[in-house]
Amino acid sequence: MALFKKRKREYLKNPIEKCVNCGRDTAYRFNDKVDTRTSYIEGCGQFCYSCYSNKETSDPIIKKRHWIDRLLSILQIR
């Protein structure tokens, strides 16, 4: 019984990540490493599979990427 309570607490401390575009649940949790995620865009965040596969046609994603590119060019990082 104690093991069940411990696992439940750990589960609740590590909630499921939401898509930054549509707000749906993704397949990943907050404490999952970014290197192992497939639909993560650095600087934007975690996307669900459908938003990530439609990233070229989805306006909010394009706006975020343009904003990030513009910010990086202003800071002359790239």
N, C-alpha and C. Protein backbone atom coordinates (compact mmCIF):
# COMPACT_ATOMS: atom_id res chain seq x y z
N MET A 1 0.81 -1.19 0.00
CA MET A 1 0.00 0.00 0.00
C MET A 1 0.86 1.26 0.00
N ALA A 2 1.96 1.25 0.75
CA ALA A 2 2.85 2.41 0.81
C ALA A 2 3.50 2.66 -0.54
N LEU A 3 3.85 1.59 -1.25
CA LEU A 3 4.45 1.74 -2.57
C LEU A 3 3.47 2.39 -3.54
N PHE A 4 2.21 2.02 -3.46
CA PHE A 4 1.19 2.61 -4.31
C PHE A 4 1.06 4.11 -4.05
N LYS A 5 1.06 4.51 -2.78
CA LYS A 5 0.94 5.93 -2.43
C LYS A 5 2.16 6.71 -2.90
N LYS A 6 3.34 6.09 -2.79
CA LYS A 6 4.56 6.75 -3.24
C LYS A 6 4.53 6.97 -4.76
N ARG A 7 4.13 5.96 -5.50
CA ARG A 7 4.06 6.09 -6.96
C ARG A 7 3.00 7.09 -7.38
N LYS A 8 1.89 7.15 -6.65
CA LYS A 8 0.84 8.11 -6.96
C LYS A 8 1.34 9.54 -6.75
N ARG A 9 2.09 9.77 -5.66
CA ARG A 9 2.65 11.10 -5.42
C ARG A 9 3.63 11.49 -6.51
N GLU A 10 4.49 10.56 -6.92
CA GLU A 10 5.45 10.83 -7.99
C GLU A 10 4.73 11.13 -9.30
N TYR A 11 3.66 10.40 -9.56
CA TYR A 11 2.87 10.60 -10.78
C TYR A 11 2.23 11.99 -10.79
N LEU A 12 1.72 12.41 -9.65
CA LEU A 12 1.06 13.72 -9.57
C LEU A 12 2.05 14.88 -9.62
N LYS A 13 3.28 14.65 -9.20
CA LYS A 13 4.31 15.69 -9.26
C LYS A 13 4.85 15.87 -10.68
N ASN A 14 4.58 14.95 -11.56
CA ASN A 14 5.10 14.99 -12.92
C ASN A 14 3.93 14.93 -13.92
N PRO A 15 3.18 16.01 -14.06
CA PRO A 15 1.98 15.98 -14.91
C PRO A 15 2.32 15.88 -16.40
N ILE A 16 1.33 15.56 -17.18
CA ILE A 16 1.49 15.44 -18.63
C ILE A 16 1.64 16.83 -19.23
N GLU A 17 2.56 16.95 -20.15
CA GLU A 17 2.81 18.22 -20.82
C GLU A 17 1.69 18.51 -21.82
N LYS A 18 1.31 19.77 -21.93
CA LYS A 18 0.28 20.21 -22.87
C LYS A 18 0.93 20.77 -24.13
N CYS A 19 0.24 20.66 -25.25
CA CYS A 19 0.72 21.21 -26.51
C CYS A 19 0.68 22.74 -26.42
N VAL A 20 1.76 23.40 -26.85
CA VAL A 20 1.80 24.86 -26.78
C VAL A 20 0.92 25.51 -27.84
N ASN A 21 0.50 24.75 -28.82
CA ASN A 21 -0.32 25.29 -29.90
C ASN A 21 -1.81 25.10 -29.63
N CYS A 22 -2.24 23.88 -29.32
CA CYS A 22 -3.67 23.60 -29.19
C CYS A 22 -4.10 23.30 -27.76
N GLY A 23 -3.17 23.01 -26.86
CA GLY A 23 -3.49 22.76 -25.47
C GLY A 23 -3.85 21.32 -25.14
N ARG A 24 -3.79 20.42 -26.12
CA ARG A 24 -4.09 19.01 -25.85
C ARG A 24 -2.93 18.33 -25.12
N ASP A 25 -3.23 17.22 -24.48
CA ASP A 25 -2.19 16.44 -23.82
C ASP A 25 -1.23 15.86 -24.86
N THR A 26 0.04 15.82 -24.50
CA THR A 26 1.04 15.20 -25.36
C THR A 26 1.40 13.84 -24.79
N ALA A 27 2.33 13.18 -25.41
CA ALA A 27 2.76 11.85 -24.96
C ALA A 27 3.87 11.95 -23.92
N TYR A 28 4.22 13.15 -23.50
CA TYR A 28 5.37 13.34 -22.62
C TYR A 28 4.96 13.99 -21.31
N ARG A 29 5.83 13.82 -20.31
CA ARG A 29 5.63 14.43 -19.00
C ARG A 29 6.68 15.53 -18.81
N PHE A 30 6.44 16.43 -17.85
CA PHE A 30 7.32 17.57 -17.64
C PHE A 30 8.77 17.17 -17.37
N ASN A 31 8.98 16.10 -16.64
CA ASN A 31 10.34 15.71 -16.28
C ASN A 31 11.03 14.84 -17.33
N ASP A 32 10.37 14.55 -18.45
CA ASP A 32 11.02 13.79 -19.53
C ASP A 32 12.11 14.66 -20.16
N LYS A 33 13.20 14.03 -20.52
CA LYS A 33 14.31 14.78 -21.13
C LYS A 33 13.92 15.27 -22.52
N VAL A 34 14.34 16.48 -22.83
CA VAL A 34 14.01 17.09 -24.11
C VAL A 34 14.66 16.34 -25.26
N ASP A 35 15.82 15.76 -25.02
CA ASP A 35 16.54 15.04 -26.08
C ASP A 35 15.78 13.82 -26.56
N THR A 36 14.93 13.25 -25.74
CA THR A 36 14.20 12.05 -26.12
C THR A 36 12.85 12.34 -26.76
N ARG A 37 12.44 13.58 -26.79
CA ARG A 37 11.13 13.95 -27.34
C ARG A 37 11.22 14.14 -28.85
N THR A 38 10.16 13.74 -29.55
CA THR A 38 10.17 13.87 -31.01
C THR A 38 9.47 15.12 -31.50
N SER A 39 8.54 15.66 -30.76
CA SER A 39 7.77 16.80 -31.25
C SER A 39 8.03 18.05 -30.41
N TYR A 40 9.30 18.26 -30.07
CA TYR A 40 9.70 19.42 -29.28
C TYR A 40 10.49 20.37 -30.17
N ILE A 41 10.12 21.65 -30.17
CA ILE A 41 10.86 22.66 -30.92
C ILE A 41 11.52 23.58 -29.91
N GLU A 42 12.84 23.66 -29.99
CA GLU A 42 13.59 24.48 -29.05
C GLU A 42 13.19 25.94 -29.20
N GLY A 43 12.88 26.58 -28.11
CA GLY A 43 12.45 27.97 -28.12
C GLY A 43 10.95 28.14 -28.19
N CYS A 44 10.25 27.11 -28.64
CA CYS A 44 8.78 27.16 -28.71
C CYS A 44 8.16 26.30 -27.63
N GLY A 45 8.58 25.06 -27.55
CA GLY A 45 8.04 24.16 -26.55
C GLY A 45 7.59 22.84 -27.13
N GLN A 46 6.76 22.13 -26.38
CA GLN A 46 6.29 20.80 -26.74
C GLN A 46 4.99 20.90 -27.55
N PHE A 47 4.94 20.17 -28.65
CA PHE A 47 3.75 20.11 -29.50
C PHE A 47 3.19 18.70 -29.49
N CYS A 48 1.89 18.57 -29.73
CA CYS A 48 1.32 17.25 -29.93
C CYS A 48 1.71 16.78 -31.33
N TYR A 49 1.50 15.51 -31.61
CA TYR A 49 1.95 14.98 -32.90
C TYR A 49 1.23 15.63 -34.08
N SER A 50 -0.06 15.93 -33.95
CA SER A 50 -0.79 16.51 -35.07
C SER A 50 -0.33 17.95 -35.36
N CYS A 51 -0.11 18.75 -34.32
CA CYS A 51 0.37 20.12 -34.54
C CYS A 51 1.80 20.12 -35.06
N TYR A 52 2.62 19.21 -34.58
CA TYR A 52 4.01 19.15 -35.03
C TYR A 52 4.10 18.72 -36.49
N SER A 53 3.25 17.80 -36.91
CA SER A 53 3.28 17.36 -38.29
C SER A 53 2.70 18.42 -39.23
N ASN A 54 1.87 19.31 -38.72
CA ASN A 54 1.28 20.39 -39.52
C ASN A 54 1.94 21.72 -39.24
N LYS A 55 3.19 21.73 -38.82
CA LYS A 55 3.82 22.96 -38.39
C LYS A 55 4.01 23.97 -39.52
N GLU A 56 4.06 23.53 -40.75
CA GLU A 56 4.24 24.47 -41.86
C GLU A 56 2.95 25.19 -42.22
N THR A 57 1.80 24.62 -41.86
CA THR A 57 0.53 25.24 -42.22
C THR A 57 -0.19 25.87 -41.04
N SER A 58 0.34 25.73 -39.85
CA SER A 58 -0.32 26.24 -38.65
C SER A 58 0.20 27.64 -38.33
N ASP A 59 -0.67 28.63 -38.36
CA ASP A 59 -0.27 30.02 -38.17
C ASP A 59 0.42 30.31 -36.84
N PRO A 60 -0.10 29.86 -35.69
CA PRO A 60 0.58 30.21 -34.43
C PRO A 60 2.01 29.70 -34.37
N ILE A 61 2.28 28.54 -34.93
CA ILE A 61 3.64 28.00 -34.91
C ILE A 61 4.55 28.85 -35.79
N ILE A 62 4.07 29.21 -36.97
CA ILE A 62 4.87 30.03 -37.87
C ILE A 62 5.17 31.37 -37.23
N LYS A 63 4.17 31.96 -36.57
CA LYS A 63 4.39 33.24 -35.90
C LYS A 63 5.44 33.10 -34.80
N LYS A 64 5.41 32.03 -34.03
CA LYS A 64 6.40 31.83 -32.97
C LYS A 64 7.78 31.65 -33.55
N ARG A 65 7.88 30.89 -34.62
CA ARG A 65 9.20 30.65 -35.22
C ARG A 65 9.75 31.94 -35.82
N HIS A 66 8.88 32.74 -36.48
CA HIS A 66 9.34 34.01 -37.03
C HIS A 66 9.77 34.96 -35.91
N TRP A 67 9.03 34.97 -34.82
CA TRP A 67 9.38 35.83 -33.70
C TRP A 67 10.73 35.43 -33.13
N ILE A 68 10.94 34.14 -32.98
CA ILE A 68 12.21 33.67 -32.43
C ILE A 68 13.35 33.99 -33.39
N ASP A 69 13.14 33.76 -34.69
CA ASP A 69 14.19 34.08 -35.67
C ASP A 69 14.50 35.58 -35.66
N ARG A 70 13.47 36.40 -35.56
CA ARG A 70 13.66 37.85 -35.52
C ARG A 70 14.42 38.25 -34.25
N LEU A 71 14.06 37.66 -33.12
CA LEU A 71 14.75 37.96 -31.87
C LEU A 71 16.22 37.55 -31.93
N LEU A 72 16.48 36.37 -32.48
CA LEU A 72 17.87 35.91 -32.59
C LEU A 72 18.68 36.79 -33.54
N SER A 73 18.05 37.27 -34.60
CA SER A 73 18.78 38.15 -35.52
C SER A 73 19.08 39.50 -34.88
N ILE A 74 18.15 39.99 -34.04
CA ILE A 74 18.41 41.23 -33.32
C ILE A 74 19.56 41.06 -32.35
N LEU A 75 19.57 39.94 -31.66
CA LEU A 75 20.65 39.66 -30.71
C LEU A 75 21.91 39.18 -31.39
N GLN A 76 21.84 38.93 -32.68
CA GLN A 76 22.95 38.46 -33.52
C GLN A 76 23.55 37.19 -32.97
N ILE A 77 22.67 36.24 -32.61
CA ILE A 77 23.12 34.95 -32.13
C ILE A 77 23.38 34.01 -33.29
N ARG A 78 22.58 34.12 -34.33
CA ARG A 78 22.77 33.23 -35.49
C ARG A 78 23.75 33.79 -36.45
